[in-house]
Amino acid sequence: MRPTDFLRRLPDAVRRDLPQDLASSFHAASRFSLMQLWSGNRAIHYEAWIRSRAGAIEIGLHFEADPLTNVRLLAAFRARERAVRDALGEEARIEEWDKGWTRVWEPIELAELDDAFLERVGSRLADYVNALEPILREEVPSDVAWAEPRRRPVRAQRAAAGTRAKHRR
């Protein structure tokens, strides 16, 4: 199957291996060569990234919030490294990454994008969610917004922008 189809189907494969309350709380989005799954703050999300040139699909929990939040979460997961490795195995890496981001992740050798590989990757990413989500929810600093701010409908945004423009005149 095409990478975009694989990634579009991946969230359902992950949800099949999650408890119902957790499965229903996650949002998903995919674009290009990656899929993100999150509950609460989208900057803190699970990700699957197809890296064809590297011959791998990377999966894991990414902290892509502000640098301070990212390093605080990195420290919290490093402090629990033994529990993470007990749950996920020695393949799991806890590290700093690009742009001040941090992550708990592992590469999986890229195989044919078929239903069997979809189930394998989905199951492994579900292992990450099941193992890391309780730690994440306990360790998210109290000053970090967990819930995403609700967006106003586009119509309301345009109306507000029009009102502001009138007041500037």
N, C-alpha and C. Protein backbone atom coordinates (compact mmCIF):
# COMPACT_ATOMS: atom_id res chain seq x y z
N MET A 1 0.84 -1.18 0.00
CA MET A 1 0.00 0.00 0.00
C MET A 1 0.88 1.24 0.00
N ARG A 2 0.31 2.33 -0.37
CA ARG A 2 1.05 3.59 -0.40
C ARG A 2 1.32 4.07 1.02
N PRO A 3 2.42 4.79 1.24
CA PRO A 3 2.72 5.30 2.58
C PRO A 3 1.58 6.12 3.18
N THR A 4 0.94 6.96 2.38
CA THR A 4 -0.16 7.78 2.92
C THR A 4 -1.32 6.90 3.39
N ASP A 5 -1.62 5.82 2.67
CA ASP A 5 -2.68 4.90 3.10
C ASP A 5 -2.28 4.16 4.38
N PHE A 6 -1.03 3.74 4.43
CA PHE A 6 -0.51 3.06 5.61
C PHE A 6 -0.67 3.95 6.85
N LEU A 7 -0.23 5.19 6.74
CA LEU A 7 -0.29 6.12 7.87
C LEU A 7 -1.72 6.50 8.23
N ARG A 8 -2.58 6.59 7.24
CA ARG A 8 -3.99 6.92 7.50
C ARG A 8 -4.67 5.80 8.28
N ARG A 9 -4.26 4.55 8.04
CA ARG A 9 -4.85 3.39 8.71
C ARG A 9 -4.19 3.07 10.05
N LEU A 10 -3.02 3.60 10.29
CA LEU A 10 -2.26 3.27 11.49
C LEU A 10 -2.97 3.63 12.81
N PRO A 11 -3.62 4.78 12.94
CA PRO A 11 -4.28 5.08 14.22
C PRO A 11 -5.27 3.99 14.65
N ASP A 12 -6.05 3.45 13.72
CA ASP A 12 -7.00 2.40 14.09
C ASP A 12 -6.26 1.14 14.53
N ALA A 13 -5.13 0.84 13.91
CA ALA A 13 -4.34 -0.33 14.32
C ALA A 13 -3.79 -0.13 15.73
N VAL A 14 -3.41 1.09 16.07
CA VAL A 14 -2.92 1.38 17.43
C VAL A 14 -4.07 1.27 18.42
N ARG A 15 -5.20 1.88 18.11
CA ARG A 15 -6.34 1.89 19.03
C ARG A 15 -6.83 0.49 19.38
N ARG A 16 -6.68 -0.46 18.46
CA ARG A 16 -7.14 -1.84 18.73
C ARG A 16 -6.43 -2.46 19.93
N ASP A 17 -5.22 -1.99 20.22
CA ASP A 17 -4.44 -2.55 21.33
C ASP A 17 -4.40 -1.65 22.55
N LEU A 18 -5.33 -0.70 22.63
CA LEU A 18 -5.40 0.20 23.78
C LEU A 18 -6.68 -0.07 24.56
N PRO A 19 -6.67 0.22 25.87
CA PRO A 19 -7.94 0.16 26.61
C PRO A 19 -8.93 1.15 26.00
N GLN A 20 -10.21 0.84 26.06
CA GLN A 20 -11.23 1.64 25.40
C GLN A 20 -11.18 3.12 25.79
N ASP A 21 -11.04 3.41 27.09
CA ASP A 21 -11.03 4.81 27.51
C ASP A 21 -9.84 5.56 26.93
N LEU A 22 -8.72 4.90 26.80
CA LEU A 22 -7.55 5.54 26.22
C LEU A 22 -7.70 5.65 24.70
N ALA A 23 -8.16 4.60 24.07
CA ALA A 23 -8.33 4.58 22.61
C ALA A 23 -9.25 5.71 22.15
N SER A 24 -10.31 5.96 22.90
CA SER A 24 -11.28 6.98 22.48
C SER A 24 -10.81 8.40 22.78
N SER A 25 -9.76 8.55 23.58
CA SER A 25 -9.32 9.90 23.94
C SER A 25 -8.28 10.47 22.97
N PHE A 26 -7.81 9.67 22.02
CA PHE A 26 -6.75 10.12 21.14
C PHE A 26 -7.28 10.73 19.84
N HIS A 27 -6.58 11.78 19.41
CA HIS A 27 -6.79 12.40 18.11
C HIS A 27 -5.67 11.94 17.20
N ALA A 28 -5.88 11.97 15.91
CA ALA A 28 -4.84 11.54 14.98
C ALA A 28 -4.81 12.45 13.77
N ALA A 29 -3.62 12.60 13.22
CA ALA A 29 -3.44 13.34 11.97
C ALA A 29 -2.24 12.74 11.25
N SER A 30 -2.33 12.71 9.94
CA SER A 30 -1.18 12.25 9.17
C SER A 30 -0.96 13.21 8.01
N ARG A 31 0.31 13.33 7.65
CA ARG A 31 0.67 14.16 6.51
C ARG A 31 2.02 13.67 6.02
N PHE A 32 2.19 13.75 4.73
CA PHE A 32 3.44 13.35 4.10
C PHE A 32 3.86 11.96 4.58
N SER A 33 4.95 11.89 5.34
CA SER A 33 5.48 10.59 5.74
C SER A 33 5.36 10.33 7.24
N LEU A 34 4.45 11.06 7.92
CA LEU A 34 4.31 10.80 9.35
C LEU A 34 2.87 10.87 9.81
N MET A 35 2.64 10.21 10.95
CA MET A 35 1.33 10.19 11.59
C MET A 35 1.55 10.56 13.06
N GLN A 36 0.67 11.40 13.59
CA GLN A 36 0.75 11.78 14.99
C GLN A 36 -0.55 11.38 15.69
N LEU A 37 -0.40 10.96 16.94
CA LEU A 37 -1.51 10.54 17.78
C LEU A 37 -1.33 11.23 19.13
N TRP A 38 -2.35 11.95 19.62
CA TRP A 38 -2.20 12.68 20.87
C TRP A 38 -3.52 12.74 21.61
N SER A 39 -3.38 12.97 22.90
CA SER A 39 -4.53 13.19 23.78
C SER A 39 -4.18 14.40 24.62
N GLY A 40 -4.84 15.50 24.41
CA GLY A 40 -4.49 16.70 25.15
C GLY A 40 -3.64 17.62 24.31
N ASN A 41 -2.45 17.91 24.76
CA ASN A 41 -1.55 18.86 24.12
C ASN A 41 -0.91 18.21 22.88
N ARG A 42 -1.21 18.74 21.73
CA ARG A 42 -0.73 18.14 20.48
C ARG A 42 0.79 18.19 20.34
N ALA A 43 1.45 19.12 21.02
CA ALA A 43 2.90 19.22 20.95
C ALA A 43 3.57 18.04 21.64
N ILE A 44 2.81 17.28 22.41
CA ILE A 44 3.29 16.08 23.08
C ILE A 44 2.50 14.93 22.47
N HIS A 45 3.11 14.18 21.58
CA HIS A 45 2.36 13.21 20.78
C HIS A 45 3.18 11.96 20.47
N TYR A 46 2.48 10.91 20.12
CA TYR A 46 3.10 9.69 19.61
C TYR A 46 3.20 9.87 18.10
N GLU A 47 4.25 9.31 17.54
CA GLU A 47 4.49 9.54 16.12
C GLU A 47 5.02 8.29 15.45
N ALA A 48 4.65 8.11 14.21
CA ALA A 48 5.25 7.11 13.33
C ALA A 48 5.71 7.87 12.10
N TRP A 49 6.98 7.71 11.77
CA TRP A 49 7.59 8.48 10.69
C TRP A 49 8.29 7.52 9.74
N ILE A 50 7.78 7.42 8.53
CA ILE A 50 8.40 6.55 7.53
C ILE A 50 9.61 7.27 6.96
N ARG A 51 10.78 6.66 7.13
CA ARG A 51 12.04 7.23 6.66
C ARG A 51 12.62 6.28 5.62
N SER A 52 12.10 6.38 4.41
CA SER A 52 12.47 5.46 3.34
C SER A 52 13.97 5.42 3.09
N ARG A 53 14.60 6.58 3.05
CA ARG A 53 16.05 6.61 2.80
C ARG A 53 16.84 5.89 3.89
N ALA A 54 16.37 5.96 5.13
CA ALA A 54 17.04 5.30 6.24
C ALA A 54 16.62 3.84 6.35
N GLY A 55 15.59 3.44 5.60
CA GLY A 55 15.11 2.07 5.65
C GLY A 55 14.44 1.72 6.95
N ALA A 56 13.77 2.71 7.56
CA ALA A 56 13.15 2.49 8.86
C ALA A 56 11.85 3.29 8.98
N ILE A 57 11.05 2.85 9.92
CA ILE A 57 9.93 3.66 10.39
C ILE A 57 10.23 3.92 11.86
N GLU A 58 10.26 5.18 12.23
CA GLU A 58 10.54 5.55 13.61
C GLU A 58 9.22 5.72 14.33
N ILE A 59 9.13 5.14 15.51
CA ILE A 59 7.93 5.30 16.33
C ILE A 59 8.35 5.79 17.71
N GLY A 60 7.45 6.49 18.37
CA GLY A 60 7.77 6.91 19.72
C GLY A 60 6.90 8.04 20.21
N LEU A 61 7.27 8.53 21.39
CA LEU A 61 6.62 9.65 22.04
C LEU A 61 7.52 10.86 21.85
N HIS A 62 6.99 11.91 21.24
CA HIS A 62 7.77 13.11 20.95
C HIS A 62 7.30 14.26 21.83
N PHE A 63 8.27 15.02 22.33
CA PHE A 63 8.00 16.24 23.09
C PHE A 63 8.44 17.40 22.21
N GLU A 64 7.49 18.07 21.60
CA GLU A 64 7.78 19.16 20.67
C GLU A 64 7.13 20.45 21.15
N ALA A 65 7.14 20.64 22.45
CA ALA A 65 6.59 21.85 23.04
C ALA A 65 7.72 22.88 23.15
N ASP A 66 7.64 23.76 24.11
CA ASP A 66 8.71 24.73 24.32
C ASP A 66 9.94 24.00 24.89
N PRO A 67 11.13 24.54 24.70
CA PRO A 67 12.35 23.84 25.14
C PRO A 67 12.36 23.45 26.62
N LEU A 68 11.85 24.30 27.50
CA LEU A 68 11.85 23.98 28.93
C LEU A 68 10.96 22.77 29.22
N THR A 69 9.77 22.75 28.65
CA THR A 69 8.87 21.61 28.84
C THR A 69 9.52 20.34 28.30
N ASN A 70 10.11 20.44 27.13
CA ASN A 70 10.74 19.27 26.52
C ASN A 70 11.84 18.70 27.40
N VAL A 71 12.71 19.54 27.92
CA VAL A 71 13.82 19.06 28.74
C VAL A 71 13.32 18.54 30.09
N ARG A 72 12.26 19.13 30.62
CA ARG A 72 11.69 18.63 31.87
C ARG A 72 11.11 17.23 31.68
N LEU A 73 10.42 17.03 30.56
CA LEU A 73 9.86 15.70 30.29
C LEU A 73 10.97 14.69 29.99
N LEU A 74 12.00 15.12 29.29
CA LEU A 74 13.14 14.24 29.05
C LEU A 74 13.74 13.78 30.38
N ALA A 75 13.94 14.71 31.30
CA ALA A 75 14.50 14.37 32.61
C ALA A 75 13.60 13.40 33.37
N ALA A 76 12.29 13.63 33.28
CA ALA A 76 11.35 12.75 33.98
C ALA A 76 11.40 11.33 33.42
N PHE A 77 11.49 11.21 32.10
CA PHE A 77 11.54 9.88 31.51
C PHE A 77 12.90 9.22 31.72
N ARG A 78 13.96 10.01 31.74
CA ARG A 78 15.27 9.44 32.06
C ARG A 78 15.30 8.94 33.50
N ALA A 79 14.64 9.65 34.39
CA ALA A 79 14.57 9.20 35.78
C ALA A 79 13.82 7.88 35.91
N ARG A 80 12.96 7.60 34.96
CA ARG A 80 12.17 6.35 34.97
C ARG A 80 12.66 5.39 33.87
N GLU A 81 13.89 5.56 33.46
CA GLU A 81 14.42 4.78 32.35
C GLU A 81 14.30 3.27 32.58
N ARG A 82 14.55 2.80 33.80
CA ARG A 82 14.47 1.36 34.06
C ARG A 82 13.04 0.87 33.82
N ALA A 83 12.03 1.61 34.25
CA ALA A 83 10.64 1.22 34.04
C ALA A 83 10.29 1.24 32.55
N VAL A 84 10.81 2.24 31.83
CA VAL A 84 10.57 2.33 30.39
C VAL A 84 11.17 1.13 29.68
N ARG A 85 12.40 0.81 30.01
CA ARG A 85 13.07 -0.34 29.37
C ARG A 85 12.43 -1.67 29.78
N ASP A 86 11.97 -1.77 31.02
CA ASP A 86 11.27 -2.99 31.44
C ASP A 86 10.00 -3.20 30.62
N ALA A 87 9.32 -2.10 30.31
CA ALA A 87 8.06 -2.18 29.55
C ALA A 87 8.29 -2.33 28.05
N LEU A 88 9.31 -1.64 27.51
CA LEU A 88 9.48 -1.57 26.06
C LEU A 88 10.70 -2.31 25.53
N GLY A 89 11.62 -2.67 26.38
CA GLY A 89 12.83 -3.34 25.94
C GLY A 89 13.97 -2.36 25.73
N GLU A 90 15.11 -2.92 25.46
CA GLU A 90 16.33 -2.12 25.30
C GLU A 90 16.34 -1.29 24.02
N GLU A 91 15.41 -1.58 23.09
CA GLU A 91 15.36 -0.83 21.84
C GLU A 91 14.93 0.62 22.05
N ALA A 92 14.19 0.86 23.12
CA ALA A 92 13.66 2.21 23.39
C ALA A 92 14.81 3.15 23.75
N ARG A 93 14.83 4.29 23.09
CA ARG A 93 15.86 5.31 23.33
C ARG A 93 15.20 6.55 23.90
N ILE A 94 15.86 7.15 24.87
CA ILE A 94 15.36 8.37 25.51
C ILE A 94 16.42 9.43 25.25
N GLU A 95 16.07 10.45 24.42
CA GLU A 95 17.13 11.36 24.00
C GLU A 95 16.62 12.73 23.56
N GLU A 96 17.59 13.66 23.52
CA GLU A 96 17.34 14.96 22.91
C GLU A 96 17.34 14.75 21.42
N TRP A 97 16.69 15.67 20.73
CA TRP A 97 16.59 15.53 19.30
C TRP A 97 16.74 16.89 18.66
N ASP A 98 16.14 17.11 17.55
CA ASP A 98 16.25 18.30 16.74
C ASP A 98 15.43 19.46 17.32
N LYS A 99 15.84 20.67 17.08
CA LYS A 99 15.09 21.89 17.40
C LYS A 99 14.72 22.03 18.87
N GLY A 100 15.51 21.44 19.77
CA GLY A 100 15.17 21.49 21.19
C GLY A 100 14.10 20.49 21.58
N TRP A 101 13.73 19.62 20.67
CA TRP A 101 12.74 18.58 20.95
C TRP A 101 13.42 17.41 21.64
N THR A 102 12.63 16.58 22.27
CA THR A 102 13.12 15.37 22.91
C THR A 102 12.15 14.24 22.61
N ARG A 103 12.58 12.99 22.87
CA ARG A 103 11.70 11.89 22.51
C ARG A 103 12.12 10.59 23.18
N VAL A 104 11.15 9.68 23.25
CA VAL A 104 11.36 8.29 23.62
C VAL A 104 10.95 7.52 22.37
N TRP A 105 11.88 6.76 21.77
CA TRP A 105 11.59 6.25 20.43
C TRP A 105 12.43 5.02 20.11
N GLU A 106 12.11 4.44 18.97
CA GLU A 106 12.92 3.35 18.41
C GLU A 106 12.68 3.28 16.91
N PRO A 107 13.68 2.82 16.17
CA PRO A 107 13.47 2.56 14.75
C PRO A 107 13.03 1.12 14.54
N ILE A 108 12.18 0.92 13.56
CA ILE A 108 11.78 -0.43 13.14
C ILE A 108 12.19 -0.55 11.68
N GLU A 109 12.85 -1.64 11.36
CA GLU A 109 13.28 -1.83 9.98
C GLU A 109 12.07 -1.79 9.05
N LEU A 110 12.19 -0.99 8.02
CA LEU A 110 11.09 -0.82 7.08
C LEU A 110 10.88 -2.10 6.28
N ALA A 111 9.64 -2.51 6.19
CA ALA A 111 9.26 -3.69 5.43
C ALA A 111 8.19 -3.28 4.43
N GLU A 112 7.69 -4.24 3.69
CA GLU A 112 6.61 -3.94 2.75
C GLU A 112 5.42 -3.37 3.52
N LEU A 113 4.86 -2.30 3.02
CA LEU A 113 3.73 -1.65 3.68
C LEU A 113 2.46 -2.43 3.36
N ASP A 114 2.26 -3.51 4.09
CA ASP A 114 1.09 -4.36 3.90
C ASP A 114 0.35 -4.47 5.23
N ASP A 115 -0.74 -5.24 5.24
CA ASP A 115 -1.55 -5.36 6.45
C ASP A 115 -0.78 -5.95 7.63
N ALA A 116 0.09 -6.93 7.35
CA ALA A 116 0.86 -7.56 8.43
C ALA A 116 1.81 -6.55 9.08
N PHE A 117 2.48 -5.73 8.26
CA PHE A 117 3.39 -4.73 8.81
C PHE A 117 2.61 -3.64 9.53
N LEU A 118 1.45 -3.29 9.01
CA LEU A 118 0.59 -2.30 9.66
C LEU A 118 0.22 -2.78 11.07
N GLU A 119 -0.16 -4.03 11.21
CA GLU A 119 -0.51 -4.58 12.52
C GLU A 119 0.70 -4.61 13.44
N ARG A 120 1.86 -4.96 12.90
CA ARG A 120 3.08 -5.01 13.72
C ARG A 120 3.45 -3.63 14.25
N VAL A 121 3.44 -2.63 13.37
CA VAL A 121 3.79 -1.27 13.78
C VAL A 121 2.72 -0.71 14.72
N GLY A 122 1.46 -0.95 14.39
CA GLY A 122 0.37 -0.48 15.26
C GLY A 122 0.45 -1.07 16.65
N SER A 123 0.75 -2.35 16.73
CA SER A 123 0.87 -3.02 18.03
C SER A 123 2.05 -2.47 18.82
N ARG A 124 3.16 -2.23 18.15
CA ARG A 124 4.34 -1.71 18.84
C ARG A 124 4.12 -0.28 19.31
N LEU A 125 3.47 0.54 18.50
CA LEU A 125 3.17 1.91 18.93
C LEU A 125 2.18 1.89 20.09
N ALA A 126 1.25 0.95 20.07
CA ALA A 126 0.32 0.79 21.21
C ALA A 126 1.09 0.41 22.47
N ASP A 127 2.14 -0.40 22.33
CA ASP A 127 2.99 -0.72 23.49
C ASP A 127 3.54 0.57 24.09
N TYR A 128 3.97 1.49 23.23
CA TYR A 128 4.49 2.78 23.70
C TYR A 128 3.41 3.57 24.44
N VAL A 129 2.23 3.63 23.87
CA VAL A 129 1.15 4.38 24.51
C VAL A 129 0.81 3.75 25.86
N ASN A 130 0.64 2.45 25.89
CA ASN A 130 0.27 1.76 27.14
C ASN A 130 1.34 1.93 28.21
N ALA A 131 2.60 1.91 27.83
CA ALA A 131 3.68 2.03 28.80
C ALA A 131 3.96 3.47 29.22
N LEU A 132 3.88 4.39 28.28
CA LEU A 132 4.34 5.76 28.53
C LEU A 132 3.26 6.75 28.92
N GLU A 133 2.03 6.51 28.49
CA GLU A 133 0.97 7.48 28.78
C GLU A 133 0.75 7.68 30.28
N PRO A 134 0.74 6.62 31.10
CA PRO A 134 0.59 6.87 32.55
C PRO A 134 1.75 7.70 33.13
N ILE A 135 2.95 7.44 32.68
CA ILE A 135 4.11 8.22 33.14
C ILE A 135 3.95 9.66 32.66
N LEU A 136 3.60 9.83 31.40
CA LEU A 136 3.45 11.18 30.84
C LEU A 136 2.43 11.98 31.63
N ARG A 137 1.28 11.39 31.87
CA ARG A 137 0.22 12.14 32.58
C ARG A 137 0.61 12.48 34.00
N GLU A 138 1.44 11.65 34.60
CA GLU A 138 1.92 11.94 35.95
C GLU A 138 3.01 12.99 35.95
N GLU A 139 3.82 13.03 34.90
CA GLU A 139 5.01 13.88 34.87
C GLU A 139 4.84 15.21 34.14
N VAL A 140 3.75 15.40 33.41
CA VAL A 140 3.58 16.69 32.72
C VAL A 140 3.58 17.79 33.78
N PRO A 141 4.49 18.75 33.65
CA PRO A 141 4.54 19.83 34.65
C PRO A 141 3.19 20.55 34.77
N SER A 142 2.87 20.95 35.98
CA SER A 142 1.56 21.56 36.23
C SER A 142 1.36 22.87 35.47
N ASP A 143 2.45 23.52 35.07
CA ASP A 143 2.31 24.78 34.34
C ASP A 143 2.25 24.59 32.83
N VAL A 144 2.18 23.33 32.38
CA VAL A 144 2.07 23.04 30.94
C VAL A 144 0.61 22.70 30.63
N ALA A 145 0.05 23.41 29.68
CA ALA A 145 -1.35 23.17 29.29
C ALA A 145 -1.48 21.76 28.75
N TRP A 146 -2.41 21.00 29.31
CA TRP A 146 -2.64 19.65 28.80
C TRP A 146 -3.69 19.68 27.71
N ALA A 147 -4.81 20.32 27.96
CA ALA A 147 -5.87 20.39 26.96
C ALA A 147 -5.53 21.47 25.94
N GLU A 148 -5.85 21.19 24.71
CA GLU A 148 -5.65 22.18 23.66
C GLU A 148 -6.70 23.27 23.79
N PRO A 149 -6.33 24.51 23.54
CA PRO A 149 -7.34 25.57 23.57
C PRO A 149 -8.36 25.32 22.46
N ARG A 150 -9.59 25.57 22.77
CA ARG A 150 -10.63 25.40 21.76
C ARG A 150 -10.54 26.54 20.76
N ARG A 151 -10.63 26.18 19.50
CA ARG A 151 -10.59 27.19 18.45
C ARG A 151 -11.99 27.71 18.19
N ARG A 152 -12.04 29.00 17.92
CA ARG A 152 -13.33 29.57 17.55
C ARG A 152 -13.60 29.19 16.11
N PRO A 153 -14.85 29.01 15.75
CA PRO A 153 -15.17 28.72 14.35
C PRO A 153 -14.60 29.82 13.45
N VAL A 154 -14.24 29.45 12.24
CA VAL A 154 -13.65 30.39 11.29
C VAL A 154 -14.54 31.61 11.11
N ARG A 155 -15.84 31.41 11.04
CA ARG A 155 -16.76 32.52 10.86
C ARG A 155 -16.62 33.53 12.01
N ALA A 156 -16.50 33.03 13.26
CA ALA A 156 -16.36 33.91 14.41
C ALA A 156 -15.02 34.63 14.38
N GLN A 157 -13.96 33.95 13.92
CA GLN A 157 -12.65 34.58 13.81
C GLN A 157 -12.70 35.72 12.80
N ARG A 158 -13.35 35.48 11.67
CA ARG A 158 -13.45 36.51 10.64
C ARG A 158 -14.27 37.70 11.14
N ALA A 159 -15.35 37.42 11.86
CA ALA A 159 -16.18 38.49 12.39
C ALA A 159 -15.39 39.33 13.40
N ALA A 160 -14.63 38.66 14.26
CA ALA A 160 -13.81 39.38 15.24
C ALA A 160 -12.74 40.21 14.54
N ALA A 161 -12.14 39.67 13.50
CA ALA A 161 -11.12 40.40 12.75
C ALA A 161 -11.74 41.63 12.10
N GLY A 162 -12.95 41.50 11.59
CA GLY A 162 -13.64 42.63 10.98
C GLY A 162 -13.95 43.71 11.99
N THR A 163 -14.34 43.31 13.20
CA THR A 163 -14.64 44.25 14.26
C THR A 163 -13.37 45.00 14.67
N ARG A 164 -12.27 44.27 14.80
CA ARG A 164 -10.99 44.92 15.16
C ARG A 164 -10.57 45.91 14.07
N ALA A 165 -10.78 45.57 12.81
CA ALA A 165 -10.40 46.46 11.70
C ALA A 165 -11.21 47.75 11.76
N LYS A 166 -12.51 47.66 12.11
CA LYS A 166 -13.35 48.86 12.19
C LYS A 166 -12.87 49.78 13.30
N HIS A 167 -12.43 49.18 14.43
CA HIS A 167 -12.01 49.97 15.57
C HIS A 167 -10.67 50.69 15.33
N ARG A 168 -9.88 50.18 14.41
CA ARG A 168 -8.60 50.79 14.12
C ARG A 168 -8.74 52.02 13.24
N ARG A 169 -9.84 52.13 12.57
CA ARG A 169 -10.00 53.25 11.62
C ARG A 169 -10.21 54.55 12.32
